[in-house]
């Protein structure tokens, strides 16, 4: 199943929330990144809450989250994870990205 991107809307003037779920394949990364970049460009948030309780905890997911964080920083904002499982948090820490992907 391809990853699905779901925009939840504005929760404050400078905050946007969305969720990603499903197993994320490497081939999903360009499309996911493009959708998030379009949302960042359109809404210009300062903080983005990314709900991740529906993702698989694997290296591809961590890669996707790191890419999304890079895109967010290029747009002058930051992504914070919500709903991250302990396994995903452990994997992010193991990969040395705890400081890069807040909320873990």
Protein backbone atom coordinates (compact mmCIF):
# COMPACT_ATOMS: atom_id res chain seq x y z
CA UNK A 1 0.00 0.00 0.00
CA UNK A 2 1.35 3.43 -0.90
CA UNK A 3 1.75 6.07 1.74
CA UNK A 4 -1.14 8.44 2.04
CA UNK A 5 -0.86 12.11 2.87
CA UNK A 6 -3.79 13.68 4.69
CA UNK A 7 -3.96 17.39 5.48
CA UNK A 8 -5.79 18.08 8.72
CA UNK A 9 -5.94 21.86 8.36
CA UNK A 10 -4.78 24.79 10.36
CA UNK A 11 -4.77 24.46 14.12
CA UNK A 12 -3.32 27.98 14.58
CA UNK A 13 -2.30 30.76 12.19
CA UNK A 14 1.31 29.53 11.88
CA UNK A 15 0.73 25.82 12.50
CA UNK A 16 -0.33 23.15 10.03
CA UNK A 17 -1.01 19.50 10.84
CA UNK A 18 -1.00 16.49 8.53
CA UNK A 19 -0.55 12.75 8.80
CA UNK A 20 1.33 10.14 6.85
CA UNK A 21 0.52 6.48 7.05
CA UNK A 22 0.87 3.12 5.39
CA UNK A 23 4.12 1.50 4.57
CA UNK A 24 6.21 4.07 2.74
CA UNK A 25 8.16 2.81 -0.26
CA UNK A 26 11.22 4.55 -1.66
CA UNK A 27 9.20 5.25 -4.81
CA UNK A 28 6.69 7.22 -2.64
CA UNK A 29 9.31 9.69 -1.40
CA UNK A 30 9.31 12.17 -4.33
CA UNK A 31 5.51 12.48 -4.34
CA UNK A 32 5.27 12.79 -0.56
CA UNK A 33 7.95 15.47 -0.57
CA UNK A 34 6.27 17.35 -3.43
CA UNK A 35 2.90 17.38 -1.63
CA UNK A 36 4.42 18.62 1.61
CA UNK A 37 6.47 21.29 -0.21
CA UNK A 38 3.33 22.52 -1.99
CA UNK A 39 1.51 22.75 1.33
CA UNK A 40 4.42 24.60 2.94
CA UNK A 41 4.59 27.04 0.05
CA UNK A 42 0.83 27.64 0.09
CA UNK A 43 0.32 28.02 3.84
CA UNK A 44 3.73 29.31 5.02
CA UNK A 45 3.53 27.82 8.54
CA UNK A 46 6.21 28.16 11.20
CA UNK A 47 5.46 24.76 12.73
CA UNK A 48 4.17 21.62 11.05
CA UNK A 49 2.74 18.81 13.17
CA UNK A 50 3.18 15.47 11.43
CA UNK A 51 1.11 12.61 12.80
CA UNK A 52 2.98 9.33 12.30
CA UNK A 53 1.10 6.75 14.34
CA UNK A 54 0.12 4.96 11.12
CA UNK A 55 3.59 4.43 9.67
CA UNK A 56 5.84 1.41 9.73
CA UNK A 57 9.01 1.92 11.74
CA UNK A 58 11.71 1.28 9.16
CA UNK A 59 14.61 3.06 7.48
CA UNK A 60 12.46 4.28 4.57
CA UNK A 61 10.08 6.00 6.98
CA UNK A 62 12.96 7.67 8.79
CA UNK A 63 14.41 8.73 5.41
CA UNK A 64 11.03 10.23 4.48
CA UNK A 65 10.80 12.12 7.78
CA UNK A 66 14.34 13.48 7.43
CA UNK A 67 13.57 14.64 3.87
CA UNK A 68 10.37 16.32 5.04
CA UNK A 69 12.28 18.07 7.81
CA UNK A 70 14.84 19.32 5.28
CA UNK A 71 12.05 20.63 3.04
CA UNK A 72 10.41 22.33 6.03
CA UNK A 73 13.64 24.03 7.02
CA UNK A 74 14.06 25.28 3.45
CA UNK A 75 10.63 26.89 3.85
CA UNK A 76 11.55 28.47 7.18
CA UNK A 77 9.63 26.13 9.45
CA UNK A 78 10.03 22.90 11.41
CA UNK A 79 8.25 19.56 11.45
CA UNK A 80 7.42 18.02 14.82
CA UNK A 81 6.22 14.44 15.05
CA UNK A 82 3.13 13.41 16.96
CA UNK A 83 2.04 9.86 17.70
CA UNK A 84 5.47 8.34 17.09
CA UNK A 85 5.80 4.79 18.40
CA UNK A 86 8.65 3.93 20.77
CA UNK A 87 10.10 1.73 18.00
CA UNK A 88 10.13 4.63 15.54
CA UNK A 89 11.69 6.92 18.15
CA UNK A 90 14.36 4.31 18.89
CA UNK A 91 15.14 3.89 15.19
CA UNK A 92 15.41 7.66 14.69
CA UNK A 93 17.80 7.84 17.66
CA UNK A 94 19.78 4.83 16.39
CA UNK A 95 20.20 6.55 13.03
CA UNK A 96 21.52 9.67 14.80
CA UNK A 97 18.56 11.86 13.83
CA UNK A 98 16.95 12.59 17.19
CA UNK A 99 18.02 16.26 17.00
CA UNK A 100 16.97 16.52 13.37
CA UNK A 101 13.44 15.12 13.79
CA UNK A 102 11.87 16.68 16.91
CA UNK A 103 9.05 15.01 18.74
CA UNK A 104 10.83 11.72 19.14
